[in-house]
C-alpha atoms as a PDB file:
ATOM      1  CA  MET A   1       0.000   0.000   0.000  1.00  0.00           C
ATOM      2  CA  ASN A   2       1.510   3.394  -1.036  1.00  0.00           C
ATOM      3  CA  ALA A   3       1.170   6.686   0.775  1.00  0.00           C
ATOM      4  CA  SER A   4      -1.800   7.727  -1.386  1.00  0.00           C
ATOM      5  CA  GLN A   5      -3.706   4.634  -0.304  1.00  0.00           C
ATOM      6  CA  GLN A   6      -3.099   5.139   3.437  1.00  0.00           C
ATOM      7  CA  GLY A   7      -5.979   6.658   5.318  1.00  0.00           C
ATOM      8  CA  PRO A   8      -5.899   9.610   7.741  1.00  0.00           C
ATOM      9  CA  ALA A   9      -5.906   7.237  10.718  1.00  0.00           C
ATOM     10  CA  THR A  10      -2.592   5.749   9.528  1.00  0.00           C
ATOM     11  CA  LEU A  11      -0.865   9.052   8.751  1.00  0.00           C
ATOM     12  CA  ALA A  12      -1.874  10.870  11.956  1.00  0.00           C
ATOM     13  CA  PRO A  13       0.250   8.734  14.349  1.00  0.00           C
ATOM     14  CA  ARG A  14       3.297   9.161  12.096  1.00  0.00           C
ATOM     15  CA  ARG A  15       2.929  12.959  12.035  1.00  0.00           C
ATOM     16  CA  ARG A  16       2.440  12.940  15.820  1.00  0.00           C
ATOM     17  CA  ASP A  17       5.571  10.820  16.339  1.00  0.00           C
ATOM     18  CA  THR A  18       7.579  13.141  14.081  1.00  0.00           C
ATOM     19  CA  GLY A  19       6.336  16.196  15.984  1.00  0.00           C
ATOM     20  CA  ASP A  20       7.195  14.610  19.350  1.00  0.00           C
ATOM     21  CA  LYS A  21      10.730  13.854  18.179  1.00  0.00           C
ATOM     22  CA  ARG A  22      11.254  17.401  16.917  1.00  0.00           C
ATOM     23  CA  PHE A  23       9.910  18.834  20.158  1.00  0.00           C
ATOM     24  CA  ALA A  24      12.194  16.531  22.178  1.00  0.00           C
ATOM     25  CA  ARG A  25      15.218  17.635  20.132  1.00  0.00           C
ATOM     26  CA  LEU A  26      14.272  21.317  20.590  1.00  0.00           C
ATOM     27  CA  THR A  27      13.867  21.110  24.358  1.00  0.00           C
ATOM     28  CA  GLY A  28      16.981  18.936  24.637  1.00  0.00           C
ATOM     29  CA  GLY A  29      18.910  21.567  22.702  1.00  0.00           C
ATOM     30  CA  PHE A  30      17.853  24.286  25.157  1.00  0.00           C
ATOM     31  CA  ALA A  31      18.932  22.071  28.065  1.00  0.00           C
ATOM     32  CA  LEU A  32      22.323  21.528  26.422  1.00  0.00           C
ATOM     33  CA  ILE A  33      22.698  25.293  25.924  1.00  0.00           C
ATOM     34  CA  VAL A  34      22.185  25.853  29.650  1.00  0.00           C
ATOM     35  CA  ALA A  35      24.673  23.108  30.535  1.00  0.00           C
ATOM     36  CA  ALA A  36      27.196  24.475  28.036  1.00  0.00           C
ATOM     37  CA  THR A  37      26.785  27.984  29.479  1.00  0.00           C
ATOM     38  CA  LEU A  38      27.454  26.675  32.971  1.00  0.00           C
ATOM     39  CA  PHE A  39      30.553  24.852  31.761  1.00  0.00           C
ATOM     40  CA  ALA A  40      31.728  27.957  29.869  1.00  0.00           C
ATOM     41  CA  ILE A  41      31.419  30.053  33.035  1.00  0.00           C
ATOM     42  CA  LEU A  42      33.502  27.518  34.927  1.00  0.00           C
ATOM     43  CA  VAL A  43      36.188  27.454  32.206  1.00  0.00           C
ATOM     44  CA  ALA A  44      36.274  31.259  32.041  1.00  0.00           C
ATOM     45  CA  LEU A  45      36.735  31.542  35.802  1.00  0.00           C
ATOM     46  CA  VAL A  46      39.536  28.989  35.775  1.00  0.00           C
ATOM     47  CA  LEU A  47      41.382  30.683  32.899  1.00  0.00           C
ATOM     48  CA  GLU A  48      40.951  34.229  34.217  1.00  0.00           C
ATOM     49  CA  SER A  49      42.052  33.262  37.723  1.00  0.00           C
ATOM     50  CA  TRP A  50      45.021  31.200  36.551  1.00  0.00           C
ATOM     51  CA  PRO A  51      47.621  33.908  37.429  1.00  0.00           C
ATOM     52  CA  VAL A  52      46.624  33.510  41.086  1.00  0.00           C
ATOM     53  CA  TRP A  53      47.006  29.733  41.115  1.00  0.00           C
ATOM     54  CA  ARG A  54      50.300  30.065  39.250  1.00  0.00           C
ATOM     55  CA  THR A  55      51.625  32.677  41.723  1.00  0.00           C
ATOM     56  CA  PHE A  56      50.279  31.461  45.068  1.00  0.00           C
ATOM     57  CA  GLY A  57      49.137  27.916  44.390  1.00  0.00           C
ATOM     58  CA  PRO A  58      46.728  26.232  46.834  1.00  0.00           C
ATOM     59  CA  ARG A  59      48.103  28.494  49.583  1.00  0.00           C
ATOM     60  CA  PHE A  60      45.695  31.139  48.250  1.00  0.00           C
ATOM     61  CA  LEU A  61      42.829  29.262  49.907  1.00  0.00           C
ATOM     62  CA  TRP A  62      44.200  29.373  53.476  1.00  0.00           C
ATOM     63  CA  ASP A  63      46.263  32.569  53.373  1.00  0.00           C
ATOM     64  CA  SER A  64      44.659  35.324  55.457  1.00  0.00           C
ATOM     65  CA  SER A  65      46.534  38.325  53.992  1.00  0.00           C
ATOM     66  CA  TRP A  66      44.817  40.629  51.487  1.00  0.00           C
ATOM     67  CA  ASP A  67      46.970  43.600  50.479  1.00  0.00           C
ATOM     68  CA  ALA A  68      46.417  44.951  46.981  1.00  0.00           C
ATOM     69  CA  VAL A  69      49.304  47.424  47.306  1.00  0.00           C
ATOM     70  CA  ALA A  70      51.833  44.743  48.228  1.00  0.00           C
ATOM     71  CA  GLY A  71      50.338  42.255  45.790  1.00  0.00           C
ATOM     72  CA  ARG A  72      49.526  39.644  48.453  1.00  0.00           C
ATOM     73  CA  PHE A  73      46.162  37.952  48.321  1.00  0.00           C
ATOM     74  CA  GLY A  74      44.526  35.232  50.407  1.00  0.00           C
ATOM     75  CA  ALA A  75      40.966  33.939  50.382  1.00  0.00           C
ATOM     76  CA  LEU A  76      40.627  32.658  53.953  1.00  0.00           C
ATOM     77  CA  PRO A  77      38.967  35.752  55.549  1.00  0.00           C
ATOM     78  CA  PHE A  78      36.290  35.792  52.871  1.00  0.00           C
ATOM     79  CA  ILE A  79      35.684  32.041  52.893  1.00  0.00           C
ATOM     80  CA  TYR A  80      35.356  32.289  56.669  1.00  0.00           C
ATOM     81  CA  GLY A  81      32.930  35.209  56.453  1.00  0.00           C
ATOM     82  CA  THR A  82      30.812  33.467  53.826  1.00  0.00           C
ATOM     83  CA  LEU A  83      30.569  30.181  55.699  1.00  0.00           C
ATOM     84  CA  VAL A  84      30.027  31.715  59.145  1.00  0.00           C
ATOM     85  CA  SER A  85      27.322  34.178  58.062  1.00  0.00           C
ATOM     86  CA  SER A  86      25.539  31.408  56.121  1.00  0.00           C
ATOM     87  CA  ALA A  87      25.805  29.030  59.096  1.00  0.00           C
ATOM     88  CA  ILE A  88      24.283  31.668  61.384  1.00  0.00           C
ATOM     89  CA  ALA A  89      21.449  32.122  58.883  1.00  0.00           C
ATOM     90  CA  LEU A  90      20.772  28.369  58.819  1.00  0.00           C
ATOM     91  CA  VAL A  91      20.836  28.056  62.616  1.00  0.00           C
ATOM     92  CA  LEU A  92      18.287  30.858  62.939  1.00  0.00           C
ATOM     93  CA  ALA A  93      16.089  30.134  59.912  1.00  0.00           C
ATOM     94  CA  THR A  94      15.742  26.353  60.169  1.00  0.00           C
ATOM     95  CA  PRO A  95      13.753  26.123  63.452  1.00  0.00           C
ATOM     96  CA  VAL A  96      11.572  29.096  62.486  1.00  0.00           C
ATOM     97  CA  SER A  97      10.902  27.552  59.064  1.00  0.00           C
ATOM     98  CA  PHE A  98      10.085  24.236  60.722  1.00  0.00           C
ATOM     99  CA  ALA A  99       7.588  25.914  63.052  1.00  0.00           C
ATOM    100  CA  ILE A 100       5.966  27.755  60.149  1.00  0.00           C
ATOM    101  CA  ALA A 101       5.730  24.570  58.081  1.00  0.00           C
ATOM    102  CA  VAL A 102       4.208  22.598  60.953  1.00  0.00           C
ATOM    103  CA  PHE A 103       1.638  25.315  61.600  1.00  0.00           C
ATOM    104  CA  LEU A 104       0.648  25.594  57.938  1.00  0.00           C
ATOM    105  CA  SER A 105       0.457  21.845  57.352  1.00  0.00           C
ATOM    106  CA  GLU A 106      -0.951  20.596  60.661  1.00  0.00           C
ATOM    107  CA  LEU A 107      -2.423  23.386  62.796  1.00  0.00           C
ATOM    108  CA  SER A 108      -3.583  26.285  60.647  1.00  0.00           C
ATOM    109  CA  PRO A 109      -7.298  26.728  59.881  1.00  0.00           C
ATOM    110  CA  ARG A 110      -8.049  26.060  56.228  1.00  0.00           C
ATOM    111  CA  TRP A 111      -9.142  29.652  55.560  1.00  0.00           C
ATOM    112  CA  LEU A 112      -5.835  31.026  56.905  1.00  0.00           C
ATOM    113  CA  ARG A 113      -3.434  28.487  55.367  1.00  0.00           C
ATOM    114  CA  GLN A 114      -3.165  29.805  51.810  1.00  0.00           C
ATOM    115  CA  PRO A 115      -3.113  33.577  52.582  1.00  0.00           C
ATOM    116  CA  LEU A 116      -0.438  33.057  55.236  1.00  0.00           C
ATOM    117  CA  ALA A 117       1.647  30.802  52.969  1.00  0.00           C
ATOM    118  CA  THR A 118       1.424  33.365  50.162  1.00  0.00           C
ATOM    119  CA  THR A 119       2.500  36.171  52.496  1.00  0.00           C
ATOM    120  CA  ILE A 120       5.573  34.219  53.626  1.00  0.00           C
ATOM    121  CA  GLU A 121       6.497  33.301  50.053  1.00  0.00           C
ATOM    122  CA  LEU A 122       6.339  36.989  49.078  1.00  0.00           C
ATOM    123  CA  LEU A 123       9.420  37.530  51.237  1.00  0.00           C
ATOM    124  CA  ALA A 124      11.393  35.732  48.529  1.00  0.00           C
ATOM    125  CA  GLY A 125      10.379  38.354  45.982  1.00  0.00           C
ATOM    126  CA  ILE A 126      11.800  41.346  47.872  1.00  0.00           C
ATOM    127  CA  PRO A 127      15.015  42.588  46.160  1.00  0.00           C
ATOM    128  CA  SER A 128      18.156  41.885  48.151  1.00  0.00           C
ATOM    129  CA  ILE A 129      19.198  45.542  48.087  1.00  0.00           C
ATOM    130  CA  VAL A 130      15.981  46.375  49.954  1.00  0.00           C
ATOM    131  CA  TYR A 131      16.944  43.851  52.627  1.00  0.00           C
ATOM    132  CA  GLY A 132      20.372  45.496  52.752  1.00  0.00           C
ATOM    133  CA  MET A 133      18.945  49.000  53.194  1.00  0.00           C
ATOM    134  CA  TRP A 134      16.521  47.771  55.850  1.00  0.00           C
ATOM    135  CA  GLY A 135      19.336  45.958  57.616  1.00  0.00           C
ATOM    136  CA  LEU A 136      21.640  48.985  57.588  1.00  0.00           C
ATOM    137  CA  LEU A 137      19.137  51.734  58.377  1.00  0.00           C
ATOM    138  CA  VAL A 138      16.609  49.959  60.603  1.00  0.00           C
ATOM    139  CA  PHE A 139      17.878  46.666  61.976  1.00  0.00           C
ATOM    140  CA  ALA A 140      21.548  47.534  62.606  1.00  0.00           C
ATOM    141  CA  PRO A 141      20.841  50.551  64.896  1.00  0.00           C
ATOM    142  CA  TRP A 142      18.382  48.471  66.935  1.00  0.00           C
ATOM    143  CA  PHE A 143      20.763  45.509  67.051  1.00  0.00           C
ATOM    144  CA  ALA A 144      23.558  47.782  68.315  1.00  0.00           C
ATOM    145  CA  ARG A 145      21.448  48.428  71.427  1.00  0.00           C
ATOM    146  CA  PHE A 146      20.898  44.685  71.874  1.00  0.00           C
ATOM    147  CA  GLU A 147      24.553  43.646  71.480  1.00  0.00           C
ATOM    148  CA  PRO A 148      25.563  44.697  75.056  1.00  0.00           C
ATOM    149  CA  VAL A 149      22.980  42.184  76.314  1.00  0.00           C
ATOM    150  CA  LEU A 150      24.686  39.450  74.264  1.00  0.00           C
ATOM    151  CA  SER A 151      28.077  40.460  75.663  1.00  0.00           C
ATOM    152  CA  ALA A 152      26.749  40.391  79.220  1.00  0.00           C
ATOM    153  CA  THR A 153      25.106  36.968  78.830  1.00  0.00           C
ATOM    154  CA  LEU A 154      26.491  34.736  76.080  1.00  0.00           C
ATOM    155  CA  GLY A 155      29.782  36.623  76.207  1.00  0.00           C
ATOM    156  CA  GLN A 156      30.410  35.324  79.726  1.00  0.00           C
ATOM    157  CA  ILE A 157      30.212  31.635  78.766  1.00  0.00           C
ATOM    158  CA  PRO A 158      33.657  30.022  78.897  1.00  0.00           C
ATOM    159  CA  GLY A 159      34.981  29.030  75.522  1.00  0.00           C
ATOM    160  CA  ILE A 160      32.351  30.374  73.127  1.00  0.00           C
ATOM    161  CA  GLY A 161      31.969  33.654  75.012  1.00  0.00           C
ATOM    162  CA  THR A 162      34.655  35.282  72.859  1.00  0.00           C
ATOM    163  CA  LEU A 163      32.347  35.045  69.860  1.00  0.00           C
ATOM    164  CA  PHE A 164      29.820  37.368  71.517  1.00  0.00           C
ATOM    165  CA  ARG A 165      32.102  40.064  72.894  1.00  0.00           C
ATOM    166  CA  GLY A 166      32.825  43.306  71.154  1.00  0.00           C
ATOM    167  CA  PRO A 167      31.806  46.928  70.703  1.00  0.00           C
ATOM    168  CA  PRO A 168      28.125  47.536  69.894  1.00  0.00           C
ATOM    169  CA  LEU A 169      28.600  48.503  66.250  1.00  0.00           C
ATOM    170  CA  GLY A 170      25.362  47.019  64.951  1.00  0.00           C
ATOM    171  CA  ILE A 171      27.057  45.681  61.804  1.00  0.00           C
ATOM    172  CA  GLY A 172      29.105  42.515  61.533  1.00  0.00           C
ATOM    173  CA  LEU A 173      28.903  38.789  60.901  1.00  0.00           C
ATOM    174  CA  LEU A 174      26.010  38.219  63.299  1.00  0.00           C
ATOM    175  CA  THR A 175      23.944  41.026  61.792  1.00  0.00           C
ATOM    176  CA  ALA A 176      24.568  39.666  58.310  1.00  0.00           C
ATOM    177  CA  GLY A 177      23.540  36.195  59.476  1.00  0.00           C
ATOM    178  CA  VAL A 178      20.271  37.457  60.951  1.00  0.00           C
ATOM    179  CA  VAL A 179      19.311  39.311  57.766  1.00  0.00           C
ATOM    180  CA  LEU A 180      20.279  36.294  55.659  1.00  0.00           C
ATOM    181  CA  ALA A 181      18.045  34.152  57.877  1.00  0.00           C
ATOM    182  CA  VAL A 182      15.075  36.359  57.013  1.00  0.00           C
ATOM    183  CA  MET A 183      15.950  36.097  53.318  1.00  0.00           C
ATOM    184  CA  ILE A 184      16.197  32.295  53.180  1.00  0.00           C
ATOM    185  CA  LEU A 185      13.268  31.613  55.492  1.00  0.00           C
ATOM    186  CA  PRO A 186      10.600  31.532  52.721  1.00  0.00           C
ATOM    187  CA  PHE A 187      12.621  29.034  50.679  1.00  0.00           C
ATOM    188  CA  ILE A 188      13.090  26.549  53.516  1.00  0.00           C
ATOM    189  CA  SER A 189       9.597  26.922  54.991  1.00  0.00           C
ATOM    190  CA  SER A 190       7.890  26.484  51.602  1.00  0.00           C
ATOM    191  CA  ILE A 191       9.724  23.242  50.872  1.00  0.00           C
ATOM    192  CA  MET A 192       9.116  21.911  54.383  1.00  0.00           C
ATOM    193  CA  ARG A 193       5.413  22.717  54.154  1.00  0.00           C
ATOM    194  CA  ASP A 194       5.089  21.023  50.763  1.00  0.00           C
ATOM    195  CA  VAL A 195       6.805  17.819  51.877  1.00  0.00           C
ATOM    196  CA  PHE A 196       4.871  17.719  55.150  1.00  0.00           C
ATOM    197  CA  LEU A 197       1.637  17.871  53.159  1.00  0.00           C
ATOM    198  CA  LEU A 198       2.783  14.867  51.116  1.00  0.00           C
ATOM    199  CA  THR A 199       2.833  12.620  54.179  1.00  0.00           C
ATOM    200  CA  PRO A 200       0.013  10.067  53.712  1.00  0.00           C
ATOM    201  CA  ALA A 201      -2.985  10.863  55.859  1.00  0.00           C
ATOM    202  CA  ALA A 202      -3.321   7.174  56.750  1.00  0.00           C
ATOM    203  CA  LEU A 203       0.014   7.227  58.577  1.00  0.00           C
ATOM    204  CA  LYS A 204      -0.921  10.267  60.630  1.00  0.00           C
ATOM    205  CA  GLU A 205      -4.416   9.027  61.385  1.00  0.00           C
ATOM    206  CA  SER A 206      -2.975   5.712  62.549  1.00  0.00           C
ATOM    207  CA  ALA A 207      -0.681   7.527  64.976  1.00  0.00           C
ATOM    208  CA  TYR A 208      -3.560   9.642  66.281  1.00  0.00           C
ATOM    209  CA  ALA A 209      -5.627   6.485  66.741  1.00  0.00           C
ATOM    210  CA  LEU A 210      -2.859   5.064  68.922  1.00  0.00           C
ATOM    211  CA  GLY A 211      -3.056   8.135  71.164  1.00  0.00           C
ATOM    212  CA  ALA A 212      -0.148  10.195  69.795  1.00  0.00           C
ATOM    213  CA  THR A 213      -0.208  13.963  70.221  1.00  0.00           C
ATOM    214  CA  ARG A 214       0.320  16.371  67.328  1.00  0.00           C
ATOM    215  CA  TRP A 215       3.941  16.880  68.311  1.00  0.00           C
ATOM    216  CA  GLU A 216       4.529  13.138  68.479  1.00  0.00           C
ATOM    217  CA  VAL A 217       2.960  12.695  65.039  1.00  0.00           C
ATOM    218  CA  VAL A 218       5.209  15.395  63.586  1.00  0.00           C
ATOM    219  CA  ARG A 219       8.338  14.070  65.322  1.00  0.00           C
ATOM    220  CA  ARG A 220       7.810  10.326  64.856  1.00  0.00           C
ATOM    221  CA  VAL A 221       5.793  10.131  61.623  1.00  0.00           C
ATOM    222  CA  VAL A 222       6.084  13.255  59.477  1.00  0.00           C
ATOM    223  CA  LEU A 223       9.763  14.049  60.033  1.00  0.00           C
ATOM    224  CA  PRO A 224      11.088  10.494  59.509  1.00  0.00           C
ATOM    225  CA  TYR A 225       8.934  10.124  56.390  1.00  0.00           C
ATOM    226  CA  THR A 226      10.167  13.392  54.828  1.00  0.00           C
ATOM    227  CA  ARG A 227      13.680  13.589  56.311  1.00  0.00           C
ATOM    228  CA  SER A 228      15.721  13.648  53.088  1.00  0.00           C
ATOM    229  CA  ALA A 229      13.473  16.187  51.386  1.00  0.00           C
ATOM    230  CA  VAL A 230      13.576  18.446  54.457  1.00  0.00           C
ATOM    231  CA  ILE A 231      17.385  18.324  54.492  1.00  0.00           C
ATOM    232  CA  GLY A 232      17.338  19.131  50.767  1.00  0.00           C
ATOM    233  CA  GLY A 233      15.252  22.234  51.459  1.00  0.00           C
ATOM    234  CA  ILE A 234      17.731  23.333  54.115  1.00  0.00           C
ATOM    235  CA  PHE A 235      20.607  22.886  51.658  1.00  0.00           C
ATOM    236  CA  LEU A 236      18.679  24.939  49.103  1.00  0.00           C
ATOM    237  CA  GLY A 237      18.410  27.759  51.638  1.00  0.00           C
ATOM    238  CA  LEU A 238      22.143  27.427  52.322  1.00  0.00           C
ATOM    239  CA  GLY A 239      22.871  27.813  48.606  1.00  0.00           C
ATOM    240  CA  ARG A 240      20.785  30.981  48.584  1.00  0.00           C
ATOM    241  CA  ALA A 241      22.667  32.384  51.565  1.00  0.00           C
ATOM    242  CA  LEU A 242      26.140  31.574  50.219  1.00  0.00           C
ATOM    243  CA  GLY A 243      25.705  33.627  47.066  1.00  0.00           C
ATOM    244  CA  GLU A 244      23.928  36.656  48.512  1.00  0.00           C
ATOM    245  CA  THR A 245      25.745  39.873  47.616  1.00  0.00           C
ATOM    246  CA  MET A 246      24.090  43.254  48.117  1.00  0.00           C
ATOM    247  CA  ALA A 247      22.347  42.686  51.431  1.00  0.00           C
ATOM    248  CA  VAL A 248      25.513  41.236  52.963  1.00  0.00           C
ATOM    249  CA  THR A 249      27.679  44.021  51.499  1.00  0.00           C
ATOM    250  CA  PHE A 250      25.546  46.620  53.270  1.00  0.00           C
ATOM    251  CA  ILE A 251      25.730  45.131  56.758  1.00  0.00           C
ATOM    252  CA  ILE A 252      28.708  42.795  57.159  1.00  0.00           C
ATOM    253  CA  GLY A 253      31.220  45.626  57.703  1.00  0.00           C
ATOM    254  CA  ASN A 254      33.663  44.750  54.871  1.00  0.00           C
ATOM    255  CA  THR A 255      37.013  44.291  56.622  1.00  0.00           C
ATOM    256  CA  ASN A 256      39.655  42.063  55.022  1.00  0.00           C
ATOM    257  CA  GLU A 257      40.461  40.064  58.141  1.00  0.00           C
ATOM    258  CA  ILE A 258      39.076  37.237  60.252  1.00  0.00           C
ATOM    259  CA  PRO A 259      37.210  38.800  63.198  1.00  0.00           C
ATOM    260  CA  PRO A 260      37.555  37.070  66.587  1.00  0.00           C
ATOM    261  CA  SER A 261      33.941  37.912  67.453  1.00  0.00           C
ATOM    262  CA  LEU A 262      30.659  37.563  65.581  1.00  0.00           C
ATOM    263  CA  LEU A 263      29.823  41.121  66.624  1.00  0.00           C
ATOM    264  CA  LEU A 264      32.764  42.538  64.660  1.00  0.00           C
ATOM    265  CA  PRO A 265      32.816  43.418  60.951  1.00  0.00           C
ATOM    266  CA  GLY A 266      33.981  40.853  58.418  1.00  0.00           C
ATOM    267  CA  ALA A 267      33.583  40.189  54.714  1.00  0.00           C
ATOM    268  CA  SER A 268      32.206  37.517  52.426  1.00  0.00           C
ATOM    269  CA  ILE A 269      33.364  36.384  49.000  1.00  0.00           C
ATOM    270  CA  ALA A 270      30.447  38.094  47.292  1.00  0.00           C
ATOM    271  CA  SER A 271      30.871  41.354  49.217  1.00  0.00           C
ATOM    272  CA  VAL A 272      34.609  41.729  48.518  1.00  0.00           C
ATOM    273  CA  ILE A 273      34.037  41.087  44.803  1.00  0.00           C
ATOM    274  CA  ALA A 274      31.281  43.712  44.730  1.00  0.00           C
ATOM    275  CA  ASN A 275      33.419  46.244  46.605  1.00  0.00           C
ATOM    276  CA  GLU A 276      36.748  45.824  44.823  1.00  0.00           C
ATOM    277  CA  PHE A 277      36.137  44.628  41.282  1.00  0.00           C
ATOM    278  CA  THR A 278      35.944  48.128  39.786  1.00  0.00           C
ATOM    279  CA  GLU A 279      39.127  49.102  41.680  1.00  0.00           C
ATOM    280  CA  ALA A 280      41.195  46.093  40.567  1.00  0.00           C
ATOM    281  CA  VAL A 281      43.765  47.755  38.309  1.00  0.00           C
ATOM    282  CA  THR A 282      46.463  45.077  38.398  1.00  0.00           C
ATOM    283  CA  GLU A 283      46.189  41.695  36.722  1.00  0.00           C
ATOM    284  CA  LEU A 284      46.868  39.814  39.960  1.00  0.00           C
ATOM    285  CA  HIS A 285      44.230  41.761  41.906  1.00  0.00           C
ATOM    286  CA  ARG A 286      41.602  41.111  39.253  1.00  0.00           C
ATOM    287  CA  ALA A 287      42.607  37.456  39.001  1.00  0.00           C
ATOM    288  CA  SER A 288      42.334  37.116  42.790  1.00  0.00           C
ATOM    289  CA  LEU A 289      38.762  38.373  42.728  1.00  0.00           C
ATOM    290  CA  LEU A 290      37.942  35.953  39.931  1.00  0.00           C
ATOM    291  CA  ALA A 291      39.586  33.164  41.915  1.00  0.00           C
ATOM    292  CA  LEU A 292      37.268  34.026  44.803  1.00  0.00           C
ATOM    293  CA  GLY A 293      34.380  33.824  42.354  1.00  0.00           C
ATOM    294  CA  LEU A 294      35.572  30.376  41.304  1.00  0.00           C
ATOM    295  CA  VAL A 295      35.710  29.228  44.933  1.00  0.00           C
ATOM    296  CA  LEU A 296      32.182  30.532  45.549  1.00  0.00           C
ATOM    297  CA  PHE A 297      30.987  28.891  42.320  1.00  0.00           C
ATOM    298  CA  LEU A 298      32.324  25.502  43.392  1.00  0.00           C
ATOM    299  CA  ILE A 299      30.994  25.747  46.959  1.00  0.00           C
ATOM    300  CA  THR A 300      27.530  26.780  45.780  1.00  0.00           C
ATOM    301  CA  PHE A 301      27.506  24.153  43.022  1.00  0.00           C
ATOM    302  CA  VAL A 302      28.259  21.355  45.498  1.00  0.00           C
ATOM    303  CA  VAL A 303      25.629  22.584  47.983  1.00  0.00           C
ATOM    304  CA  LEU A 304      22.904  22.969  45.356  1.00  0.00           C
ATOM    305  CA  ALA A 305      23.785  19.615  43.769  1.00  0.00           C
ATOM    306  CA  LEU A 306      23.315  17.934  47.154  1.00  0.00           C
ATOM    307  CA  ALA A 307      20.044  19.815  47.623  1.00  0.00           C
ATOM    308  CA  LYS A 308      18.818  18.645  44.219  1.00  0.00           C
ATOM    309  CA  LEU A 309      19.717  15.028  44.939  1.00  0.00           C
ATOM    310  CA  LEU A 310      17.846  15.153  48.230  1.00  0.00           C
ATOM    311  CA  LEU A 311      14.837  16.935  46.713  1.00  0.00           C
ATOM    312  CA  LEU A 312      14.519  14.172  44.113  1.00  0.00           C
ATOM    313  CA  ARG A 313      12.935  12.269  46.976  1.00  0.00           C
ATOM    314  CA  LEU A 314       9.872  14.513  46.462  1.00  0.00           C
ATOM    315  CA  ASP A 315       8.928  12.295  43.509  1.00  0.00           C
ATOM    316  CA  GLY A 316       9.065   9.310  45.811  1.00  0.00           C
ATOM    317  CA  LEU A 317       6.948  11.108  48.405  1.00  0.00           C
ATOM    318  CA  ALA A 318       4.316  11.898  45.794  1.00  0.00           C
ATOM    319  CA  LYS A 319       4.171   8.163  45.009  1.00  0.00           C
ATOM    320  CA  GLY A 320       3.864   7.209  48.662  1.00  0.00           C
ATOM    321  CA  LYS A 321       7.485   6.240  49.249  1.00  0.00           C
ATOM    322  CA  PRO A 322       9.233   7.598  52.388  1.00  0.00           C
ATOM    323  CA  ALA A 323      12.162   9.993  51.863  1.00  0.00           C
END
């Protein structure tokens, strides 16, 4: 039978199959473009920062000196500032996000659940420079009045007390961590709420039937069932905090040294790049900033890759499989 003898019912599946293949190639091409762009960024950072690795070698990562005039550069103060401020943000944001997620998924009245969830998610849409201005002009002056209380209480604890002693400046690593916590809170709480809602109702009802309280259901049923996805959401918030630039630049203090106290000014990788890139007139200075960008790229890539692997468990949750 030739093509002229084939009916419409025979030709339609062939045209549909051809269209599906073309659409698959088109979307696959866009995905490859994104992957190639990511790889090109990585290659560009490596090539542009090569003078630093050739001059200082791996010592660049743990050297604490940063002197553009003398031509000495080390990344340690900025790696420290980035990791510490992000860790503070996680410590503060995670329990608050957990409480919000539990309330929205288990305790909130139905009429309040969606408006409240939408309001919290709107925090993610506020530009980071607005957070920075609020942190510098509103939060930092108030926090400066609260810092003597921290010095008089936590500052007196043997060992860790040194981290909470210092002049009441209002800006520093702790201030940056608090503002970052507010910024990443909607990301973590939204993911936690979504995965909590995916817990099968039969499991929770069975626990209630056995006499468990709400807290026991959350702790012994919901959390174990969604553990990997919850950790993935926390890692996603960490990735957001690591790369934040403008808000941190406003309130971290921007000093090129490792502060002994969380109340003192410091600097992050993103903030030092934002502050000094336009002033980098020598090749080594510019390459050092790009090397910092490469370090931040790799740290963030690893964190977000782990978050993605853990969040893949959401598919399993949707199918009734525990995370």
